[in-house]
Amino acid sequence: MKNKHYFEDKKAYDAYIRKWRIIQSTCIVIFIVIFLFLIYLVYQEVVCNKPVLNWL
C-alpha cells in the first residue's frame, strides 16, 4: 500500500495549511491579549491598591 497524502491536489493542501496557520495565529494573539489584560488587572490590584479583582 502506497503512502498517499490526504490531499491529492497540492493547491488544496496548501490552502488548508494556510487556513489553519491563520486560525492558529489568531488564537495565539487572542490568548496573548487576554494574558496581558490579566497581568494588567493584577498590577492594578497589587501596585495601585485598586479593588479590581473583587468580581472574581
N, C-alpha and C. Protein backbone atom coordinates (compact mmCIF):
# COMPACT_ATOMS: atom_id res chain seq x y z
N MET A 1 0.84 -1.18 0.00
CA MET A 1 0.00 0.00 0.00
C MET A 1 0.88 1.24 0.00
N LYS A 2 0.60 2.14 -0.94
CA LYS A 2 1.42 3.34 -1.06
C LYS A 2 1.03 4.36 -0.01
N ASN A 3 2.03 5.11 0.42
CA ASN A 3 1.80 6.19 1.38
C ASN A 3 1.34 7.42 0.60
N LYS A 4 0.05 7.75 0.70
CA LYS A 4 -0.50 8.88 -0.04
C LYS A 4 -0.85 10.00 0.91
N HIS A 5 -0.77 11.22 0.37
CA HIS A 5 -1.22 12.37 1.14
C HIS A 5 -2.73 12.34 1.23
N TYR A 6 -3.24 13.01 2.25
CA TYR A 6 -4.68 13.12 2.41
C TYR A 6 -5.28 13.91 1.25
N PHE A 7 -4.54 14.91 0.79
CA PHE A 7 -4.99 15.74 -0.33
C PHE A 7 -4.26 15.29 -1.59
N GLU A 8 -5.03 15.05 -2.62
CA GLU A 8 -4.41 14.72 -3.90
C GLU A 8 -3.86 15.98 -4.58
N ASP A 9 -4.56 17.09 -4.36
CA ASP A 9 -4.19 18.34 -5.02
C ASP A 9 -3.28 19.15 -4.10
N LYS A 10 -2.14 19.58 -4.64
CA LYS A 10 -1.20 20.37 -3.84
C LYS A 10 -1.78 21.72 -3.46
N LYS A 11 -2.55 22.33 -4.35
CA LYS A 11 -3.16 23.64 -4.05
C LYS A 11 -4.14 23.54 -2.90
N ALA A 12 -4.94 22.49 -2.88
CA ALA A 12 -5.91 22.31 -1.80
C ALA A 12 -5.19 22.11 -0.47
N TYR A 13 -4.10 21.35 -0.49
CA TYR A 13 -3.33 21.12 0.73
C TYR A 13 -2.71 22.42 1.23
N ASP A 14 -2.14 23.22 0.31
CA ASP A 14 -1.54 24.50 0.71
C ASP A 14 -2.58 25.45 1.27
N ALA A 15 -3.77 25.48 0.67
CA ALA A 15 -4.84 26.34 1.17
C ALA A 15 -5.29 25.88 2.56
N TYR A 16 -5.37 24.57 2.76
CA TYR A 16 -5.74 24.02 4.06
C TYR A 16 -4.72 24.41 5.14
N ILE A 17 -3.44 24.25 4.82
CA ILE A 17 -2.39 24.61 5.77
C ILE A 17 -2.42 26.11 6.05
N ARG A 18 -2.61 26.92 5.02
CA ARG A 18 -2.65 28.37 5.20
C ARG A 18 -3.81 28.78 6.09
N LYS A 19 -4.98 28.14 5.88
CA LYS A 19 -6.15 28.46 6.69
C LYS A 19 -5.89 28.12 8.16
N TRP A 20 -5.31 26.97 8.43
CA TRP A 20 -5.06 26.60 9.82
C TRP A 20 -3.97 27.43 10.45
N ARG A 21 -2.99 27.90 9.66
CA ARG A 21 -1.97 28.80 10.22
C ARG A 21 -2.59 30.13 10.60
N ILE A 22 -3.52 30.64 9.80
CA ILE A 22 -4.20 31.90 10.13
C ILE A 22 -5.02 31.72 11.40
N ILE A 23 -5.76 30.61 11.51
CA ILE A 23 -6.57 30.35 12.70
C ILE A 23 -5.67 30.22 13.93
N GLN A 24 -4.57 29.51 13.79
CA GLN A 24 -3.65 29.31 14.91
C GLN A 24 -3.03 30.64 15.35
N SER A 25 -2.61 31.45 14.39
CA SER A 25 -2.03 32.75 14.72
C SER A 25 -3.04 33.65 15.41
N THR A 26 -4.28 33.63 14.93
CA THR A 26 -5.33 34.44 15.56
C THR A 26 -5.57 34.00 17.00
N CYS A 27 -5.62 32.71 17.24
CA CYS A 27 -5.83 32.21 18.60
C CYS A 27 -4.67 32.59 19.52
N ILE A 28 -3.45 32.51 19.01
CA ILE A 28 -2.30 32.88 19.83
C ILE A 28 -2.35 34.35 20.20
N VAL A 29 -2.72 35.21 19.23
CA VAL A 29 -2.83 36.65 19.51
C VAL A 29 -3.91 36.92 20.55
N ILE A 30 -5.05 36.24 20.43
CA ILE A 30 -6.15 36.43 21.39
C ILE A 30 -5.71 36.00 22.79
N PHE A 31 -5.03 34.86 22.89
CA PHE A 31 -4.57 34.40 24.20
C PHE A 31 -3.54 35.35 24.81
N ILE A 32 -2.65 35.91 23.98
CA ILE A 32 -1.66 36.86 24.48
C ILE A 32 -2.35 38.12 25.00
N VAL A 33 -3.37 38.61 24.27
CA VAL A 33 -4.09 39.80 24.71
C VAL A 33 -4.80 39.54 26.04
N ILE A 34 -5.45 38.38 26.17
CA ILE A 34 -6.13 38.04 27.43
C ILE A 34 -5.12 37.93 28.57
N PHE A 35 -3.98 37.31 28.30
CA PHE A 35 -2.95 37.15 29.32
C PHE A 35 -2.42 38.51 29.78
N LEU A 36 -2.16 39.41 28.83
CA LEU A 36 -1.69 40.75 29.19
C LEU A 36 -2.74 41.52 29.97
N PHE A 37 -4.01 41.34 29.62
CA PHE A 37 -5.08 42.01 30.35
C PHE A 37 -5.14 41.51 31.79
N LEU A 38 -4.98 40.21 31.99
CA LEU A 38 -4.98 39.67 33.35
C LEU A 38 -3.78 40.17 34.15
N ILE A 39 -2.62 40.26 33.51
CA ILE A 39 -1.45 40.82 34.18
C ILE A 39 -1.71 42.27 34.56
N TYR A 40 -2.36 43.02 33.68
CA TYR A 40 -2.69 44.41 33.98
C TYR A 40 -3.65 44.50 35.18
N LEU A 41 -4.63 43.61 35.25
CA LEU A 41 -5.55 43.62 36.38
C LEU A 41 -4.83 43.32 37.70
N VAL A 42 -3.93 42.35 37.67
CA VAL A 42 -3.18 42.02 38.88
C VAL A 42 -2.28 43.19 39.26
N TYR A 43 -1.70 43.85 38.28
CA TYR A 43 -0.87 45.03 38.55
C TYR A 43 -1.69 46.13 39.21
N GLN A 44 -2.88 46.37 38.71
CA GLN A 44 -3.75 47.39 39.31
C GLN A 44 -4.09 47.03 40.76
N GLU A 45 -4.31 45.74 40.98
CA GLU A 45 -4.69 45.28 42.32
C GLU A 45 -3.52 45.41 43.30
N VAL A 46 -2.35 44.98 42.88
CA VAL A 46 -1.22 44.88 43.80
C VAL A 46 -0.50 46.22 43.95
N VAL A 47 -0.19 46.86 42.83
CA VAL A 47 0.64 48.05 42.88
C VAL A 47 -0.19 49.29 43.21
N CYS A 48 -1.32 49.45 42.54
CA CYS A 48 -2.12 50.66 42.72
C CYS A 48 -3.15 50.54 43.83
N ASN A 49 -3.28 49.36 44.42
CA ASN A 49 -4.24 49.11 45.51
C ASN A 49 -5.68 49.46 45.13
N LYS A 50 -6.03 49.18 43.89
CA LYS A 50 -7.41 49.37 43.46
C LYS A 50 -8.13 48.02 43.54
N PRO A 51 -9.33 47.98 44.09
CA PRO A 51 -10.05 46.69 44.19
C PRO A 51 -10.66 46.28 42.86
N VAL A 52 -9.82 45.79 41.97
CA VAL A 52 -10.27 45.43 40.62
C VAL A 52 -10.79 44.00 40.59
N LEU A 53 -10.15 43.12 41.33
CA LEU A 53 -10.44 41.69 41.23
C LEU A 53 -11.53 41.22 42.19
N ASN A 54 -12.32 42.11 42.72
CA ASN A 54 -13.38 41.71 43.64
C ASN A 54 -14.49 40.93 42.96
N TRP A 55 -14.69 41.15 41.68
CA TRP A 55 -15.78 40.47 40.96
C TRP A 55 -15.44 39.04 40.60
N LEU A 56 -14.20 38.63 40.83
CA LEU A 56 -13.82 37.25 40.51
C LEU A 56 -14.30 36.30 41.59
